[in-house]
Amino acid sequence: MQAIFSDLECLAIIIACLSHDLDHRGTNNQFQIRTMSPLVNLYSTSVLEHHHFDRCIMLLNTKGNDILCTLSHDEYRRAVSIMEKAILATDLSRYFAKLPEFRQVLDDRISAVGEETTNDIVVKTMWQTETSNRELLMSMLMTASDVSASTKPWPVQKKSAELVANEFFEQGDLEKQKLNIKPEAVMDRDLSHQFPQMQIEFIDTICAPVYKVRVHI
């Protein structure tokens, strides 16, 4: 990261990684919208991600947690902007929208300098030439970190998948009880026997693509 991002950018990204699920509600954005939760009145898009960002800023402005207090006004504004973009990037709908654009950036880079280029100066120049490219890269790195449980040793990955499945099923139960709707298959407890296959599909459609592009950075 240090070959591409400044120290300030690295700090902001690390804080975003630590904060990106603060005060998670145990349900997804669609559920927040369907139930017209109070958060929907505050944020029009990426409801939970905006909430996580606001929680992050609130904590950073709490006495004892103000680790950015030594930054200048401009540095602080820049750090906050990076944290906001990084946390919002963990909304998977944004990931799917940006992935084709990122692939195009990589294709352009390979055409210009070659796929096997490892020279730090060349790589750094390529990513730092355009701020939009660097922000795209940051977004992909946030997604790669967010779904990184899929890369862990099997016991860790299995435990993580079980926790996610339980959360999904609890949301599905709420959708049946409160909204009187049939939940998506991945959230339907009645289809829990299909969860292993659903997990494979999650890895194939969400996790694998971001790691495949990651190796070309």
C-alpha atoms as a PDB file:
ATOM      1  CA  MET A   1       0.000   0.000   0.000  1.00  0.00           C
ATOM      2  CA  GLN A   2       2.807   2.420   0.805  1.00  0.00           C
ATOM      3  CA  ALA A   3       3.987   2.263  -2.809  1.00  0.00           C
ATOM      4  CA  ILE A   4       0.671   3.797  -3.835  1.00  0.00           C
ATOM      5  CA  PHE A   5      -0.989   5.542  -0.889  1.00  0.00           C
ATOM      6  CA  SER A   6       0.383   8.322   1.302  1.00  0.00           C
ATOM      7  CA  ASP A   7       0.800   7.841   5.057  1.00  0.00           C
ATOM      8  CA  LEU A   8      -2.376   9.858   5.635  1.00  0.00           C
ATOM      9  CA  GLU A   9      -4.316   7.732   3.162  1.00  0.00           C
ATOM     10  CA  CYS A  10      -3.023   4.523   4.764  1.00  0.00           C
ATOM     11  CA  LEU A  11      -4.081   5.753   8.209  1.00  0.00           C
ATOM     12  CA  ALA A  12      -7.551   6.668   6.986  1.00  0.00           C
ATOM     13  CA  ILE A  13      -7.989   3.328   5.204  1.00  0.00           C
ATOM     14  CA  ILE A  14      -6.925   1.361   8.288  1.00  0.00           C
ATOM     15  CA  ILE A  15      -9.394   3.306  10.445  1.00  0.00           C
ATOM     16  CA  ALA A  16     -12.094   2.611   7.847  1.00  0.00           C
ATOM     17  CA  CYS A  17     -11.306  -1.112   7.961  1.00  0.00           C
ATOM     18  CA  LEU A  18     -11.666  -1.140  11.739  1.00  0.00           C
ATOM     19  CA  SER A  19     -14.869   0.911  11.640  1.00  0.00           C
ATOM     20  CA  HIS A  20     -16.733  -0.287   8.568  1.00  0.00           C
ATOM     21  CA  ASP A  21     -19.334  -2.326  10.485  1.00  0.00           C
ATOM     22  CA  LEU A  22     -19.728  -0.210  13.629  1.00  0.00           C
ATOM     23  CA  ASP A  23     -23.151  -0.649  15.247  1.00  0.00           C
ATOM     24  CA  HIS A  24     -24.172  -3.295  12.730  1.00  0.00           C
ATOM     25  CA  ARG A  25     -27.904  -3.936  13.033  1.00  0.00           C
ATOM     26  CA  GLY A  26     -27.901  -7.604  12.067  1.00  0.00           C
ATOM     27  CA  THR A  27     -29.894  -6.958   8.893  1.00  0.00           C
ATOM     28  CA  ASN A  28     -29.081  -5.641   5.431  1.00  0.00           C
ATOM     29  CA  ASN A  29     -29.912  -2.409   3.624  1.00  0.00           C
ATOM     30  CA  GLN A  30     -32.928  -3.916   1.900  1.00  0.00           C
ATOM     31  CA  PHE A  31     -34.454  -4.844   5.256  1.00  0.00           C
ATOM     32  CA  GLN A  32     -33.865  -1.320   6.563  1.00  0.00           C
ATOM     33  CA  ILE A  33     -35.719   0.067   3.543  1.00  0.00           C
ATOM     34  CA  ARG A  34     -38.587  -2.416   3.673  1.00  0.00           C
ATOM     35  CA  THR A  35     -39.208  -1.749   7.363  1.00  0.00           C
ATOM     36  CA  MET A  36     -38.706   2.010   6.979  1.00  0.00           C
ATOM     37  CA  SER A  37     -36.247   2.025   9.859  1.00  0.00           C
ATOM     38  CA  PRO A  38     -35.179   5.391  11.342  1.00  0.00           C
ATOM     39  CA  LEU A  39     -31.901   5.086   9.430  1.00  0.00           C
ATOM     40  CA  VAL A  40     -33.764   5.254   6.121  1.00  0.00           C
ATOM     41  CA  ASN A  41     -34.954   8.742   7.045  1.00  0.00           C
ATOM     42  CA  LEU A  42     -31.336   9.805   7.486  1.00  0.00           C
ATOM     43  CA  TYR A  43     -29.699   8.209   4.454  1.00  0.00           C
ATOM     44  CA  SER A  44     -31.119   7.699   0.984  1.00  0.00           C
ATOM     45  CA  THR A  45     -28.529   5.181  -0.251  1.00  0.00           C
ATOM     46  CA  SER A  46     -26.095   2.698   1.337  1.00  0.00           C
ATOM     47  CA  VAL A  47     -28.104   3.111   4.530  1.00  0.00           C
ATOM     48  CA  LEU A  48     -26.019   0.984   6.879  1.00  0.00           C
ATOM     49  CA  GLU A  49     -22.684   2.045   5.426  1.00  0.00           C
ATOM     50  CA  HIS A  50     -23.538   5.717   5.986  1.00  0.00           C
ATOM     51  CA  HIS A  51     -24.501   4.828   9.551  1.00  0.00           C
ATOM     52  CA  HIS A  52     -21.208   2.997  10.132  1.00  0.00           C
ATOM     53  CA  PHE A  53     -19.314   6.037   8.860  1.00  0.00           C
ATOM     54  CA  ASP A  54     -21.229   8.399  11.135  1.00  0.00           C
ATOM     55  CA  ARG A  55     -20.516   6.128  14.107  1.00  0.00           C
ATOM     56  CA  CYS A  56     -16.844   6.172  13.169  1.00  0.00           C
ATOM     57  CA  ILE A  57     -16.709   9.973  13.134  1.00  0.00           C
ATOM     58  CA  MET A  58     -18.620  10.147  16.404  1.00  0.00           C
ATOM     59  CA  LEU A  59     -16.071   7.884  18.088  1.00  0.00           C
ATOM     60  CA  LEU A  60     -13.143   9.800  16.639  1.00  0.00           C
ATOM     61  CA  ASN A  61     -14.577  12.976  18.150  1.00  0.00           C
ATOM     62  CA  THR A  62     -15.004  11.431  21.591  1.00  0.00           C
ATOM     63  CA  LYS A  63     -12.506  12.381  24.272  1.00  0.00           C
ATOM     64  CA  GLY A  64      -9.796   9.745  24.474  1.00  0.00           C
ATOM     65  CA  ASN A  65     -10.457   8.527  20.925  1.00  0.00           C
ATOM     66  CA  ASP A  66      -9.435  11.682  19.056  1.00  0.00           C
ATOM     67  CA  ILE A  67      -6.426  10.086  17.376  1.00  0.00           C
ATOM     68  CA  LEU A  68      -6.601  12.541  14.481  1.00  0.00           C
ATOM     69  CA  CYS A  69      -6.368  15.640  16.666  1.00  0.00           C
ATOM     70  CA  THR A  70      -2.798  16.430  15.589  1.00  0.00           C
ATOM     71  CA  LEU A  71      -3.731  16.669  11.906  1.00  0.00           C
ATOM     72  CA  SER A  72      -4.084  20.037  10.251  1.00  0.00           C
ATOM     73  CA  HIS A  73      -7.555  21.167   9.199  1.00  0.00           C
ATOM     74  CA  ASP A  74      -6.920  20.174   5.574  1.00  0.00           C
ATOM     75  CA  GLU A  75      -5.405  16.818   6.563  1.00  0.00           C
ATOM     76  CA  TYR A  76      -8.384  16.057   8.786  1.00  0.00           C
ATOM     77  CA  ARG A  77     -10.864  16.882   6.023  1.00  0.00           C
ATOM     78  CA  ARG A  78      -8.906  14.683   3.619  1.00  0.00           C
ATOM     79  CA  ALA A  79      -8.780  11.782   6.101  1.00  0.00           C
ATOM     80  CA  VAL A  80     -12.519  12.000   6.780  1.00  0.00           C
ATOM     81  CA  SER A  81     -13.263  12.051   3.047  1.00  0.00           C
ATOM     82  CA  ILE A  82     -11.145   8.936   2.504  1.00  0.00           C
ATOM     83  CA  MET A  83     -12.790   7.118   5.419  1.00  0.00           C
ATOM     84  CA  GLU A  84     -16.241   7.935   4.083  1.00  0.00           C
ATOM     85  CA  LYS A  85     -15.450   6.669   0.579  1.00  0.00           C
ATOM     86  CA  ALA A  86     -13.751   3.553   1.959  1.00  0.00           C
ATOM     87  CA  ILE A  87     -16.613   2.601   4.271  1.00  0.00           C
ATOM     88  CA  LEU A  88     -19.262   3.265   1.622  1.00  0.00           C
ATOM     89  CA  ALA A  89     -17.263   1.032  -0.736  1.00  0.00           C
ATOM     90  CA  THR A  90     -18.166  -1.970   1.445  1.00  0.00           C
ATOM     91  CA  ASP A  91     -21.722  -1.755   0.119  1.00  0.00           C
ATOM     92  CA  LEU A  92     -21.673  -4.702  -2.290  1.00  0.00           C
ATOM     93  CA  SER A  93     -23.961  -2.904  -4.728  1.00  0.00           C
ATOM     94  CA  ARG A  94     -21.201  -0.303  -5.130  1.00  0.00           C
ATOM     95  CA  TYR A  95     -18.622  -3.065  -5.540  1.00  0.00           C
ATOM     96  CA  PHE A  96     -20.550  -4.651  -8.417  1.00  0.00           C
ATOM     97  CA  ALA A  97     -20.921  -1.242 -10.061  1.00  0.00           C
ATOM     98  CA  LYS A  98     -17.215  -0.413  -9.784  1.00  0.00           C
ATOM     99  CA  LEU A  99     -15.679  -3.803 -10.605  1.00  0.00           C
ATOM    100  CA  PRO A 100     -16.014  -3.457 -14.420  1.00  0.00           C
ATOM    101  CA  GLU A 101     -14.497   0.028 -14.247  1.00  0.00           C
ATOM    102  CA  PHE A 102     -11.588  -1.284 -12.194  1.00  0.00           C
ATOM    103  CA  ARG A 103     -11.001  -4.114 -14.652  1.00  0.00           C
ATOM    104  CA  GLN A 104     -10.798  -1.547 -17.441  1.00  0.00           C
ATOM    105  CA  VAL A 105      -8.217   0.463 -15.482  1.00  0.00           C
ATOM    106  CA  LEU A 106      -6.139  -2.699 -15.044  1.00  0.00           C
ATOM    107  CA  ASP A 107      -6.449  -3.558 -18.734  1.00  0.00           C
ATOM    108  CA  ASP A 108      -5.240  -0.066 -19.625  1.00  0.00           C
ATOM    109  CA  ARG A 109      -2.308  -0.421 -17.227  1.00  0.00           C
ATOM    110  CA  ILE A 110      -1.310  -3.806 -18.655  1.00  0.00           C
ATOM    111  CA  SER A 111      -1.486  -2.400 -22.188  1.00  0.00           C
ATOM    112  CA  ALA A 112       0.708   0.537 -21.185  1.00  0.00           C
ATOM    113  CA  VAL A 113       3.405  -1.069 -19.030  1.00  0.00           C
ATOM    114  CA  GLY A 114       3.032  -4.832 -19.343  1.00  0.00           C
ATOM    115  CA  GLU A 115       1.496  -7.396 -17.032  1.00  0.00           C
ATOM    116  CA  GLU A 116       4.723  -8.440 -15.351  1.00  0.00           C
ATOM    117  CA  THR A 117       5.911  -4.968 -14.319  1.00  0.00           C
ATOM    118  CA  THR A 118       6.864  -4.927 -10.634  1.00  0.00           C
ATOM    119  CA  ASN A 119       8.887  -1.704 -10.557  1.00  0.00           C
ATOM    120  CA  ASP A 120       7.541   0.321  -7.613  1.00  0.00           C
ATOM    121  CA  ILE A 121       8.103   3.641  -9.381  1.00  0.00           C
ATOM    122  CA  VAL A 122       6.119   2.540 -12.436  1.00  0.00           C
ATOM    123  CA  VAL A 123       3.301   1.112 -10.314  1.00  0.00           C
ATOM    124  CA  LYS A 124       3.180   4.153  -8.031  1.00  0.00           C
ATOM    125  CA  THR A 125       3.097   6.572 -10.948  1.00  0.00           C
ATOM    126  CA  MET A 126       0.333   4.645 -12.663  1.00  0.00           C
ATOM    127  CA  TRP A 127      -1.973   4.735  -9.626  1.00  0.00           C
ATOM    128  CA  GLN A 128      -1.106   8.239  -8.473  1.00  0.00           C
ATOM    129  CA  THR A 129      -1.618   9.888 -11.853  1.00  0.00           C
ATOM    130  CA  GLU A 130      -5.382   9.827 -11.414  1.00  0.00           C
ATOM    131  CA  THR A 131      -7.100  10.261  -8.042  1.00  0.00           C
ATOM    132  CA  SER A 132     -10.119   8.382  -9.378  1.00  0.00           C
ATOM    133  CA  ASN A 133      -7.949   5.336 -10.107  1.00  0.00           C
ATOM    134  CA  ARG A 134      -6.549   5.377  -6.587  1.00  0.00           C
ATOM    135  CA  GLU A 135     -10.037   5.620  -5.116  1.00  0.00           C
ATOM    136  CA  LEU A 136     -11.129   2.689  -7.278  1.00  0.00           C
ATOM    137  CA  LEU A 137      -8.197   0.679  -5.970  1.00  0.00           C
ATOM    138  CA  MET A 138      -9.083   1.617  -2.406  1.00  0.00           C
ATOM    139  CA  SER A 139     -12.655   0.443  -2.986  1.00  0.00           C
ATOM    140  CA  MET A 140     -11.465  -2.935  -4.259  1.00  0.00           C
ATOM    141  CA  LEU A 141      -9.104  -3.316  -1.301  1.00  0.00           C
ATOM    142  CA  MET A 142     -11.958  -2.590   1.107  1.00  0.00           C
ATOM    143  CA  THR A 143     -14.090  -5.312  -0.478  1.00  0.00           C
ATOM    144  CA  ALA A 144     -11.148  -7.721  -0.450  1.00  0.00           C
ATOM    145  CA  SER A 145     -10.734  -7.056   3.264  1.00  0.00           C
ATOM    146  CA  ASP A 146     -14.466  -7.212   3.965  1.00  0.00           C
ATOM    147  CA  VAL A 147     -14.856 -10.723   2.521  1.00  0.00           C
ATOM    148  CA  SER A 148     -11.438 -11.959   3.639  1.00  0.00           C
ATOM    149  CA  ALA A 149     -12.926 -14.618   5.909  1.00  0.00           C
ATOM    150  CA  SER A 150     -13.192 -16.687   2.724  1.00  0.00           C
ATOM    151  CA  THR A 151      -9.380 -16.749   2.539  1.00  0.00           C
ATOM    152  CA  LYS A 152      -8.796 -17.921   6.111  1.00  0.00           C
ATOM    153  CA  PRO A 153      -7.941 -21.449   7.268  1.00  0.00           C
ATOM    154  CA  TRP A 154     -10.925 -23.785   7.093  1.00  0.00           C
ATOM    155  CA  PRO A 155     -11.896 -23.682  10.817  1.00  0.00           C
ATOM    156  CA  VAL A 156     -12.026 -19.868  10.746  1.00  0.00           C
ATOM    157  CA  GLN A 157     -13.854 -19.754   7.425  1.00  0.00           C
ATOM    158  CA  LYS A 158     -16.382 -22.368   8.583  1.00  0.00           C
ATOM    159  CA  LYS A 159     -17.098 -20.507  11.825  1.00  0.00           C
ATOM    160  CA  SER A 160     -17.497 -17.218   9.979  1.00  0.00           C
ATOM    161  CA  ALA A 161     -19.885 -18.772   7.453  1.00  0.00           C
ATOM    162  CA  GLU A 162     -21.974 -20.259  10.265  1.00  0.00           C
ATOM    163  CA  LEU A 163     -22.243 -16.881  12.003  1.00  0.00           C
ATOM    164  CA  VAL A 164     -23.258 -15.182   8.759  1.00  0.00           C
ATOM    165  CA  ALA A 165     -25.793 -17.916   8.016  1.00  0.00           C
ATOM    166  CA  ASN A 166     -27.366 -17.516  11.447  1.00  0.00           C
ATOM    167  CA  GLU A 167     -27.650 -13.749  10.957  1.00  0.00           C
ATOM    168  CA  PHE A 168     -29.211 -14.230   7.523  1.00  0.00           C
ATOM    169  CA  PHE A 169     -31.723 -16.757   8.845  1.00  0.00           C
ATOM    170  CA  GLU A 170     -32.712 -14.422  11.680  1.00  0.00           C
ATOM    171  CA  GLN A 171     -33.417 -11.690   9.139  1.00  0.00           C
ATOM    172  CA  GLY A 172     -35.392 -14.170   7.055  1.00  0.00           C
ATOM    173  CA  ASP A 173     -37.460 -15.077  10.110  1.00  0.00           C
ATOM    174  CA  LEU A 174     -38.211 -11.388  10.703  1.00  0.00           C
ATOM    175  CA  GLU A 175     -39.243 -10.943   7.074  1.00  0.00           C
ATOM    176  CA  LYS A 176     -41.698 -13.824   7.383  1.00  0.00           C
ATOM    177  CA  GLN A 177     -43.106 -12.623  10.711  1.00  0.00           C
ATOM    178  CA  LYS A 178     -43.160  -8.837  10.290  1.00  0.00           C
ATOM    179  CA  LEU A 179     -43.360  -8.316   6.547  1.00  0.00           C
ATOM    180  CA  ASN A 180     -45.214 -11.480   5.569  1.00  0.00           C
ATOM    181  CA  ILE A 181     -42.890 -12.067   2.635  1.00  0.00           C
ATOM    182  CA  LYS A 182     -40.807 -14.997   1.494  1.00  0.00           C
ATOM    183  CA  PRO A 183     -37.124 -14.190   2.103  1.00  0.00           C
ATOM    184  CA  GLU A 184     -34.354 -14.696  -0.393  1.00  0.00           C
ATOM    185  CA  ALA A 185     -33.096 -18.271  -0.488  1.00  0.00           C
ATOM    186  CA  VAL A 186     -29.880 -17.404   1.353  1.00  0.00           C
ATOM    187  CA  MET A 187     -31.980 -16.030   4.235  1.00  0.00           C
ATOM    188  CA  ASP A 188     -34.630 -18.733   4.317  1.00  0.00           C
ATOM    189  CA  ARG A 189     -34.116 -21.057   7.262  1.00  0.00           C
ATOM    190  CA  ASP A 190     -36.234 -23.669   5.502  1.00  0.00           C
ATOM    191  CA  LEU A 191     -33.499 -23.875   2.859  1.00  0.00           C
ATOM    192  CA  SER A 192     -30.600 -24.132   5.310  1.00  0.00           C
ATOM    193  CA  HIS A 193     -29.585 -27.445   3.754  1.00  0.00           C
ATOM    194  CA  GLN A 194     -28.614 -25.470   0.633  1.00  0.00           C
ATOM    195  CA  PHE A 195     -26.323 -23.092   2.478  1.00  0.00           C
ATOM    196  CA  PRO A 196     -23.047 -24.895   1.608  1.00  0.00           C
ATOM    197  CA  GLN A 197     -23.825 -24.496  -2.107  1.00  0.00           C
ATOM    198  CA  MET A 198     -24.867 -20.882  -1.531  1.00  0.00           C
ATOM    199  CA  GLN A 199     -21.540 -20.244   0.183  1.00  0.00           C
ATOM    200  CA  ILE A 200     -19.697 -21.623  -2.836  1.00  0.00           C
ATOM    201  CA  GLU A 201     -21.705 -19.292  -5.068  1.00  0.00           C
ATOM    202  CA  PHE A 202     -20.832 -16.368  -2.775  1.00  0.00           C
ATOM    203  CA  ILE A 203     -17.145 -17.178  -3.137  1.00  0.00           C
ATOM    204  CA  ASP A 204     -17.418 -17.607  -6.912  1.00  0.00           C
ATOM    205  CA  THR A 205     -19.450 -14.464  -7.611  1.00  0.00           C
ATOM    206  CA  ILE A 206     -18.157 -12.005  -4.995  1.00  0.00           C
ATOM    207  CA  CYS A 207     -14.892 -13.126  -3.419  1.00  0.00           C
ATOM    208  CA  ALA A 208     -12.993 -14.709  -6.302  1.00  0.00           C
ATOM    209  CA  PRO A 209     -13.449 -11.796  -8.748  1.00  0.00           C
ATOM    210  CA  VAL A 210     -11.938  -9.219  -6.393  1.00  0.00           C
ATOM    211  CA  TYR A 211      -8.948 -11.428  -5.612  1.00  0.00           C
ATOM    212  CA  LYS A 212      -8.402 -12.198  -9.294  1.00  0.00           C
ATOM    213  CA  VAL A 213      -8.099  -8.495 -10.102  1.00  0.00           C
ATOM    214  CA  ARG A 214      -6.022  -7.934  -6.967  1.00  0.00           C
ATOM    215  CA  VAL A 215      -3.137 -10.046  -8.255  1.00  0.00           C
ATOM    216  CA  HIS A 216      -2.732  -7.709 -11.253  1.00  0.00           C
ATOM    217  CA  ILE A 217      -2.226  -4.560  -9.174  1.00  0.00           C
END
